């Protein structure tokens, strides 16, 4: 029993499977991207996250706006504030 060696027929099945799998992954990535991506200037981004972003910025601004006073009288005022 001998096998005929034909180098033109070797590996085409593996190449076809790899190509189909790659195309399937590309299509999946494209579909996920189209369903979930929002442009930064999308109006829904502003509506959804605007309140949350404002809360973060206003909290940071209130901590930065603390008056700078010297001496021992400033310590009890700072403790009472928190």
C-alpha atoms as a PDB file:
ATOM      1  CA  UNK A   1       0.000   0.000   0.000  1.00  0.00           C
ATOM      2  CA  UNK A   2       1.523   3.268  -1.020  1.00  0.00           C
ATOM      3  CA  UNK A   3       0.307   6.802  -0.628  1.00  0.00           C
ATOM      4  CA  UNK A   4       0.691   9.141  -3.533  1.00  0.00           C
ATOM      5  CA  UNK A   5       2.510  12.301  -2.510  1.00  0.00           C
ATOM      6  CA  UNK A   6       1.003  15.408  -4.093  1.00  0.00           C
ATOM      7  CA  UNK A   7       2.330  18.659  -2.536  1.00  0.00           C
ATOM      8  CA  UNK A   8      -0.459  20.692  -4.176  1.00  0.00           C
ATOM      9  CA  UNK A   9      -3.138  19.104  -1.973  1.00  0.00           C
ATOM     10  CA  UNK A  10      -1.454  19.388   1.428  1.00  0.00           C
ATOM     11  CA  UNK A  11      -2.852  21.767   4.033  1.00  0.00           C
ATOM     12  CA  UNK A  12      -5.783  23.235   2.119  1.00  0.00           C
ATOM     13  CA  UNK A  13      -8.325  21.934   4.632  1.00  0.00           C
ATOM     14  CA  UNK A  14      -6.493  23.527   7.557  1.00  0.00           C
ATOM     15  CA  UNK A  15      -6.125  26.778   5.621  1.00  0.00           C
ATOM     16  CA  UNK A  16      -9.839  26.830   4.808  1.00  0.00           C
ATOM     17  CA  UNK A  17     -10.829  26.171   8.436  1.00  0.00           C
ATOM     18  CA  UNK A  18      -8.459  28.888   9.666  1.00  0.00           C
ATOM     19  CA  UNK A  19      -9.820  31.379   7.124  1.00  0.00           C
ATOM     20  CA  UNK A  20     -13.452  30.651   8.023  1.00  0.00           C
ATOM     21  CA  UNK A  21     -12.691  30.909  11.749  1.00  0.00           C
ATOM     22  CA  UNK A  22     -10.887  34.234  11.228  1.00  0.00           C
ATOM     23  CA  UNK A  23     -13.784  35.644   9.208  1.00  0.00           C
ATOM     24  CA  UNK A  24     -16.202  34.517  11.917  1.00  0.00           C
ATOM     25  CA  UNK A  25     -14.158  36.276  14.611  1.00  0.00           C
ATOM     26  CA  UNK A  26     -13.940  39.457  12.526  1.00  0.00           C
ATOM     27  CA  UNK A  27     -17.703  39.438  11.979  1.00  0.00           C
ATOM     28  CA  UNK A  28     -18.295  38.905  15.717  1.00  0.00           C
ATOM     29  CA  UNK A  29     -15.977  41.780  16.653  1.00  0.00           C
ATOM     30  CA  UNK A  30     -17.640  44.057  14.091  1.00  0.00           C
ATOM     31  CA  UNK A  31     -21.115  43.197  15.390  1.00  0.00           C
ATOM     32  CA  UNK A  32     -20.142  43.789  19.025  1.00  0.00           C
ATOM     33  CA  UNK A  33     -18.504  47.096  18.078  1.00  0.00           C
ATOM     34  CA  UNK A  34     -21.584  48.317  16.209  1.00  0.00           C
ATOM     35  CA  UNK A  35     -23.910  47.341  19.058  1.00  0.00           C
ATOM     36  CA  UNK A  36     -21.906  48.822  21.929  1.00  0.00           C
ATOM     37  CA  UNK A  37     -19.775  51.734  20.652  1.00  0.00           C
ATOM     38  CA  UNK A  38     -20.905  55.266  21.380  1.00  0.00           C
ATOM     39  CA  UNK A  39     -19.141  58.264  19.927  1.00  0.00           C
ATOM     40  CA  UNK A  40     -17.882  60.737  22.567  1.00  0.00           C
ATOM     41  CA  UNK A  41     -20.117  63.443  21.092  1.00  0.00           C
ATOM     42  CA  UNK A  42     -23.210  61.233  21.152  1.00  0.00           C
ATOM     43  CA  UNK A  43     -26.025  63.099  22.949  1.00  0.00           C
ATOM     44  CA  UNK A  44     -26.959  59.988  24.948  1.00  0.00           C
ATOM     45  CA  UNK A  45     -23.532  59.941  26.569  1.00  0.00           C
ATOM     46  CA  UNK A  46     -24.187  63.430  27.925  1.00  0.00           C
ATOM     47  CA  UNK A  47     -27.629  62.508  29.267  1.00  0.00           C
ATOM     48  CA  UNK A  48     -26.578  59.228  30.835  1.00  0.00           C
ATOM     49  CA  UNK A  49     -23.317  60.257  32.489  1.00  0.00           C
ATOM     50  CA  UNK A  50     -23.741  64.003  32.999  1.00  0.00           C
ATOM     51  CA  UNK A  51     -25.140  63.807  36.550  1.00  0.00           C
ATOM     52  CA  UNK A  52     -22.491  61.315  37.644  1.00  0.00           C
ATOM     53  CA  UNK A  53     -19.669  63.433  36.232  1.00  0.00           C
ATOM     54  CA  UNK A  54     -21.060  66.592  37.812  1.00  0.00           C
ATOM     55  CA  UNK A  55     -21.227  64.887  41.209  1.00  0.00           C
ATOM     56  CA  UNK A  56     -17.555  63.923  40.980  1.00  0.00           C
ATOM     57  CA  UNK A  57     -16.489  67.420  39.945  1.00  0.00           C
ATOM     58  CA  UNK A  58     -18.603  69.222  42.542  1.00  0.00           C
ATOM     59  CA  UNK A  59     -17.277  66.980  45.328  1.00  0.00           C
ATOM     60  CA  UNK A  60     -13.696  67.697  44.253  1.00  0.00           C
ATOM     61  CA  UNK A  61     -14.397  71.431  44.078  1.00  0.00           C
ATOM     62  CA  UNK A  62     -15.880  71.509  47.586  1.00  0.00           C
ATOM     63  CA  UNK A  63     -12.749  69.871  49.062  1.00  0.00           C
ATOM     64  CA  UNK A  64     -10.459  72.307  47.261  1.00  0.00           C
ATOM     65  CA  UNK A  65     -12.437  75.352  48.443  1.00  0.00           C
ATOM     66  CA  UNK A  66     -11.723  74.857  52.159  1.00  0.00           C
ATOM     67  CA  UNK A  67     -10.507  78.099  53.771  1.00  0.00           C
ATOM     68  CA  UNK A  68      -6.884  78.171  54.816  1.00  0.00           C
ATOM     69  CA  UNK A  69      -6.588  79.402  58.416  1.00  0.00           C
ATOM     70  CA  UNK A  70      -3.713  79.107  60.835  1.00  0.00           C
ATOM     71  CA  UNK A  71      -3.509  78.192  64.488  1.00  0.00           C
ATOM     72  CA  UNK A  72      -5.259  75.779  66.823  1.00  0.00           C
ATOM     73  CA  UNK A  73      -8.718  77.236  66.124  1.00  0.00           C
ATOM     74  CA  UNK A  74      -8.702  75.785  62.621  1.00  0.00           C
ATOM     75  CA  UNK A  75      -8.407  72.170  63.798  1.00  0.00           C
ATOM     76  CA  UNK A  76     -11.793  71.913  65.589  1.00  0.00           C
ATOM     77  CA  UNK A  77     -13.534  73.632  62.672  1.00  0.00           C
ATOM     78  CA  UNK A  78     -12.047  71.118  60.239  1.00  0.00           C
ATOM     79  CA  UNK A  79     -13.112  68.185  62.416  1.00  0.00           C
ATOM     80  CA  UNK A  80     -16.637  69.505  62.774  1.00  0.00           C
ATOM     81  CA  UNK A  81     -16.910  70.036  59.047  1.00  0.00           C
ATOM     82  CA  UNK A  82     -16.365  66.354  58.272  1.00  0.00           C
END
